[in-house]
């Protein structure tokens, strides 16, 4: 876990220095994020208890690439915590003033996986977002090649400004469905099929402390239905993060 944290910090530092040195010659942006979450919930399923989730992303015009990691702080269900490292790249283009299209590829790596636990997987995603004023709506489709899983998720959000405090309350509701033909691709034996639905909401309050730095407090809720994995549902959790741009 410490090695991954050091790697994130080094990448963020190098990327930030490079961006500052060449800002006049190129038009790209580097964003680093250092966040804590009281639970790690991915697509309606809890995967870990409290964890740190540092990341770094580089964007060049409409293209972007980044590295995100989840590092659990404590055990969950009496099991040893497992790190997760995601490497991703994508393209986002504004089709009109209100509509944008996006495509993204993600490689998921679980360095602590053993035995039948999934050690790695990768997926492609495409989606569209409509936004006008402070209202937005989006729809995305993802396909995981190792799990042979399709995910469809839609969301709608609104940002409520609080001008006196120099911040806003950003609210988003989402609804998704997942269907997989091989839920555990590294396990020995027959493929494990799994399908379920999930939904929830996110409430975020960002506060800019400097021109290039923002602190964000978040409250989140997620629930899942029809999962055969006995995964706990009806989850509430909080996040606290610091984002710095270069």
Protein backbone atom coordinates (compact mmCIF):
# COMPACT_ATOMS: atom_id res chain seq x y z
CA UNK A 1 0.00 0.00 0.00
CA UNK A 2 2.81 2.40 0.84
CA UNK A 3 4.55 1.67 -2.47
CA UNK A 4 1.39 2.55 -4.40
CA UNK A 5 0.94 5.77 -2.42
CA UNK A 6 4.54 6.75 -3.13
CA UNK A 7 4.03 5.98 -6.82
CA UNK A 8 0.95 8.20 -6.98
CA UNK A 9 2.77 11.05 -5.26
CA UNK A 10 5.78 10.75 -7.56
CA UNK A 11 3.63 10.69 -10.68
CA UNK A 12 1.64 13.69 -9.49
CA UNK A 13 4.80 15.62 -8.72
CA UNK A 14 6.48 14.84 -12.02
CA UNK A 15 3.34 15.59 -14.02
CA UNK A 16 2.80 18.86 -12.14
CA UNK A 17 6.35 20.05 -12.68
CA UNK A 18 6.19 19.16 -16.36
CA UNK A 19 2.89 20.95 -16.81
CA UNK A 20 4.18 24.08 -15.07
CA UNK A 21 7.36 24.12 -17.14
CA UNK A 22 5.56 23.72 -20.48
CA UNK A 23 2.29 25.50 -19.81
CA UNK A 24 2.92 28.12 -22.49
CA UNK A 25 3.89 25.55 -25.12
CA UNK A 26 1.07 23.04 -24.66
CA UNK A 27 -2.57 23.01 -23.63
CA UNK A 28 -2.86 20.19 -21.13
CA UNK A 29 -3.90 19.93 -17.53
CA UNK A 30 -2.81 17.73 -14.64
CA UNK A 31 -5.15 16.99 -11.75
CA UNK A 32 -4.20 15.16 -8.56
CA UNK A 33 -6.71 14.00 -6.00
CA UNK A 34 -6.12 12.78 -2.45
CA UNK A 35 -9.35 11.41 -0.96
CA UNK A 36 -10.64 9.33 1.92
CA UNK A 37 -13.82 7.25 1.82
CA UNK A 38 -15.54 5.59 4.78
CA UNK A 39 -16.61 2.74 2.43
CA UNK A 40 -15.63 1.75 -1.08
CA UNK A 41 -18.78 0.95 -3.07
CA UNK A 42 -18.49 0.18 -6.79
CA UNK A 43 -21.66 -0.05 -8.86
CA UNK A 44 -23.81 -0.72 -5.82
CA UNK A 45 -21.57 -3.36 -4.24
CA UNK A 46 -19.37 -2.74 -1.21
CA UNK A 47 -15.78 -3.89 -1.77
CA UNK A 48 -13.94 -2.44 1.24
CA UNK A 49 -14.29 -0.44 4.43
CA UNK A 50 -12.55 2.89 4.98
CA UNK A 51 -9.86 3.55 2.39
CA UNK A 52 -7.68 6.19 0.76
CA UNK A 53 -8.19 6.76 -2.98
CA UNK A 54 -5.38 8.92 -4.41
CA UNK A 55 -5.24 9.53 -8.18
CA UNK A 56 -3.55 11.53 -10.92
CA UNK A 57 -4.92 12.46 -14.35
CA UNK A 58 -3.44 14.20 -17.38
CA UNK A 59 -5.71 15.80 -19.99
CA UNK A 60 -4.63 17.06 -23.42
CA UNK A 61 -7.45 18.82 -25.24
CA UNK A 62 -10.20 16.15 -25.52
CA UNK A 63 -7.94 13.23 -24.51
CA UNK A 64 -7.18 12.16 -20.94
CA UNK A 65 -5.39 9.37 -19.08
CA UNK A 66 -4.98 8.61 -15.41
CA UNK A 67 -4.18 6.27 -12.56
CA UNK A 68 -6.53 5.71 -9.60
CA UNK A 69 -5.98 3.45 -6.61
CA UNK A 70 -8.01 2.22 -3.64
CA UNK A 71 -5.98 1.44 -0.51
CA UNK A 72 -8.04 0.00 2.39
CA UNK A 73 -7.15 1.17 5.89
CA UNK A 74 -8.83 -1.63 7.86
CA UNK A 75 -10.05 -5.18 7.38
CA UNK A 76 -13.62 -5.93 6.32
CA UNK A 77 -15.54 -9.06 7.27
CA UNK A 78 -12.40 -10.26 9.02
CA UNK A 79 -10.61 -10.58 5.70
CA UNK A 80 -7.34 -9.00 4.67
CA UNK A 81 -7.75 -5.73 2.76
CA UNK A 82 -7.05 -5.76 -0.98
CA UNK A 83 -5.65 -2.88 -2.99
CA UNK A 84 -7.05 -1.88 -6.36
CA UNK A 85 -5.24 0.01 -9.13
CA UNK A 86 -7.11 1.36 -12.16
CA UNK A 87 -5.33 2.63 -15.27
CA UNK A 88 -7.59 4.40 -17.74
CA UNK A 89 -7.63 6.54 -20.88
CA UNK A 90 -10.44 8.22 -22.73
CA UNK A 91 -11.71 10.81 -25.16
CA UNK A 92 -14.47 13.32 -24.46
CA UNK A 93 -15.80 15.63 -27.15
CA UNK A 94 -18.36 18.42 -26.95
CA UNK A 95 -20.74 17.65 -29.80
CA UNK A 96 -22.81 20.78 -29.14
CA UNK A 97 -22.98 23.38 -26.40
CA UNK A 98 -25.13 21.03 -24.32
CA UNK A 99 -24.20 17.49 -25.47
CA UNK A 100 -20.87 15.69 -25.05
CA UNK A 101 -19.81 12.18 -26.11
CA UNK A 102 -17.19 10.06 -24.31
CA UNK A 103 -15.31 6.81 -24.75
CA UNK A 104 -13.06 5.30 -22.06
CA UNK A 105 -10.94 2.18 -21.59
CA UNK A 106 -10.03 0.95 -18.08
CA UNK A 107 -7.64 -1.72 -16.82
CA UNK A 108 -8.46 -2.98 -13.31
CA UNK A 109 -5.60 -4.57 -11.37
CA UNK A 110 -5.93 -6.26 -7.95
CA UNK A 111 -2.31 -6.89 -6.84
CA UNK A 112 -3.27 -8.73 -3.64
CA UNK A 113 -5.59 -11.27 -5.31
CA UNK A 114 -4.87 -14.94 -4.62
CA UNK A 115 -6.44 -18.26 -5.62
CA UNK A 116 -9.82 -17.84 -7.29
CA UNK A 117 -9.94 -14.07 -6.68
CA UNK A 118 -9.97 -11.91 -9.80
CA UNK A 119 -6.48 -10.49 -10.36
CA UNK A 120 -7.19 -8.24 -13.33
CA UNK A 121 -9.83 -7.29 -15.85
CA UNK A 122 -10.49 -4.62 -18.45
CA UNK A 123 -13.48 -2.88 -19.99
CA UNK A 124 -14.58 -0.32 -22.56
CA UNK A 125 -17.24 2.31 -21.98
CA UNK A 126 -19.19 4.78 -24.12
CA UNK A 127 -21.66 7.41 -23.06
CA UNK A 128 -23.33 10.74 -23.63
CA UNK A 129 -24.01 13.68 -21.30
CA UNK A 130 -26.48 16.51 -21.66
CA UNK A 131 -26.03 19.62 -19.52
CA UNK A 132 -27.60 23.03 -19.47
CA UNK A 133 -27.25 25.68 -16.81
CA UNK A 134 -26.95 23.61 -13.62
CA UNK A 135 -28.90 20.55 -14.75
CA UNK A 136 -27.29 17.47 -16.31
CA UNK A 137 -28.22 13.95 -17.41
CA UNK A 138 -26.09 11.10 -18.74
CA UNK A 139 -26.27 7.51 -19.98
CA UNK A 140 -23.27 5.12 -20.18
CA UNK A 141 -22.67 1.55 -21.31
CA UNK A 142 -19.66 -0.55 -20.21
CA UNK A 143 -18.46 -3.97 -21.31
CA UNK A 144 -15.99 -6.01 -19.24
CA UNK A 145 -14.16 -8.46 -21.50
CA UNK A 146 -12.94 -10.92 -18.84
CA UNK A 147 -16.18 -11.04 -16.86
CA UNK A 148 -18.23 -10.84 -20.07
CA UNK A 149 -20.29 -8.26 -18.22
CA UNK A 150 -22.50 -5.47 -19.53
CA UNK A 151 -23.30 -2.45 -17.37
CA UNK A 152 -25.83 0.23 -18.23
CA UNK A 153 -26.18 3.25 -15.95
CA UNK A 154 -28.09 6.51 -16.19
CA UNK A 155 -27.91 9.56 -13.96
CA UNK A 156 -29.39 13.00 -13.48
CA UNK A 157 -27.92 15.81 -11.40
CA UNK A 158 -28.37 19.41 -10.36
CA UNK A 159 -26.05 21.95 -8.76
CA UNK A 160 -27.56 24.29 -6.15
CA UNK A 161 -25.38 27.42 -5.76
CA UNK A 162 -24.59 28.91 -2.35
CA UNK A 163 -23.09 32.22 -3.42
CA UNK A 164 -22.68 33.65 0.08
CA UNK A 165 -20.35 30.78 1.01
CA UNK A 166 -18.69 30.56 -2.38
CA UNK A 167 -19.73 26.95 -2.90
CA UNK A 168 -22.59 24.76 -4.13
CA UNK A 169 -24.48 21.58 -3.25
CA UNK A 170 -24.22 19.14 -6.15
CA UNK A 171 -26.80 16.34 -6.14
CA UNK A 172 -26.90 13.35 -8.51
CA UNK A 173 -29.19 10.33 -8.70
CA UNK A 174 -28.26 7.18 -10.63
CA UNK A 175 -29.75 3.84 -11.65
CA UNK A 176 -27.81 0.94 -13.15
CA UNK A 177 -28.01 -2.72 -14.14
CA UNK A 178 -25.23 -5.31 -14.46
CA UNK A 179 -25.24 -8.69 -16.19
CA UNK A 180 -22.16 -10.95 -16.22
CA UNK A 181 -21.59 -14.39 -17.77
CA UNK A 182 -18.33 -15.05 -15.89
CA UNK A 183 -18.35 -13.11 -12.61
CA UNK A 184 -15.14 -14.76 -11.34
CA UNK A 185 -12.94 -15.33 -14.42
CA UNK A 186 -9.93 -16.58 -12.41
CA UNK A 187 -11.85 -19.25 -10.53
CA UNK A 188 -11.56 -22.92 -11.48
CA UNK A 189 -14.73 -24.58 -12.71
CA UNK A 190 -17.87 -23.48 -14.46
CA UNK A 191 -18.50 -19.82 -15.19
CA UNK A 192 -20.44 -17.95 -12.52
CA UNK A 193 -23.29 -15.90 -13.94
CA UNK A 194 -24.52 -12.90 -12.01
CA UNK A 195 -26.94 -10.05 -12.64
CA UNK A 196 -28.33 -7.34 -10.39
CA UNK A 197 -29.63 -3.78 -10.30
CA UNK A 198 -28.38 -0.87 -8.25
CA UNK A 199 -29.30 2.73 -7.53
CA UNK A 200 -28.30 5.59 -5.27
CA UNK A 201 -27.40 9.23 -4.95
CA UNK A 202 -24.39 11.46 -4.32
CA UNK A 203 -24.34 14.83 -2.55
CA UNK A 204 -21.11 16.82 -2.88
CA UNK A 205 -20.08 20.21 -1.49
CA UNK A 206 -16.93 21.56 -3.17
CA UNK A 207 -15.07 24.51 -1.66
CA UNK A 208 -12.21 26.22 -3.47
CA UNK A 209 -9.39 27.06 -1.06
CA UNK A 210 -7.04 28.31 -3.79
CA UNK A 211 -7.31 29.00 -7.52
CA UNK A 212 -6.06 25.49 -8.26
CA UNK A 213 -7.15 23.59 -5.13
CA UNK A 214 -10.60 22.39 -4.05
CA UNK A 215 -11.76 20.49 -0.96
CA UNK A 216 -14.89 18.37 -1.45
CA UNK A 217 -17.11 16.78 1.20
CA UNK A 218 -19.48 14.09 -0.02
CA UNK A 219 -22.41 12.04 1.30
CA UNK A 220 -23.35 8.93 -0.66
CA UNK A 221 -26.01 6.22 -0.68
CA UNK A 222 -26.29 3.02 -2.72
CA UNK A 223 -28.53 -0.01 -2.76
CA UNK A 224 -28.59 -3.20 -4.83
CA UNK A 225 -31.25 -5.70 -5.79
CA UNK A 226 -31.25 -9.32 -7.00
CA UNK A 227 -27.59 -9.96 -6.21
CA UNK A 228 -26.95 -13.63 -5.31
CA UNK A 229 -23.66 -12.81 -3.60
CA UNK A 230 -25.17 -11.89 -0.20
CA UNK A 231 -23.58 -8.48 -0.57
CA UNK A 232 -24.82 -5.97 2.04
CA UNK A 233 -27.17 -3.39 0.60
CA UNK A 234 -28.54 -0.05 1.77
CA UNK A 235 -25.13 1.57 2.21
CA UNK A 236 -24.37 5.12 3.40
CA UNK A 237 -20.84 6.53 3.37
CA UNK A 238 -18.91 9.79 3.32
CA UNK A 239 -15.90 11.05 1.40
CA UNK A 240 -13.44 13.88 1.89
CA UNK A 241 -10.99 14.87 -0.82
CA UNK A 242 -8.47 17.46 -1.94
CA UNK A 243 -8.05 18.11 -5.68
CA UNK A 244 -5.15 20.15 -7.03
CA UNK A 245 -4.80 21.18 -10.68
CA UNK A 246 -1.69 22.27 -12.56
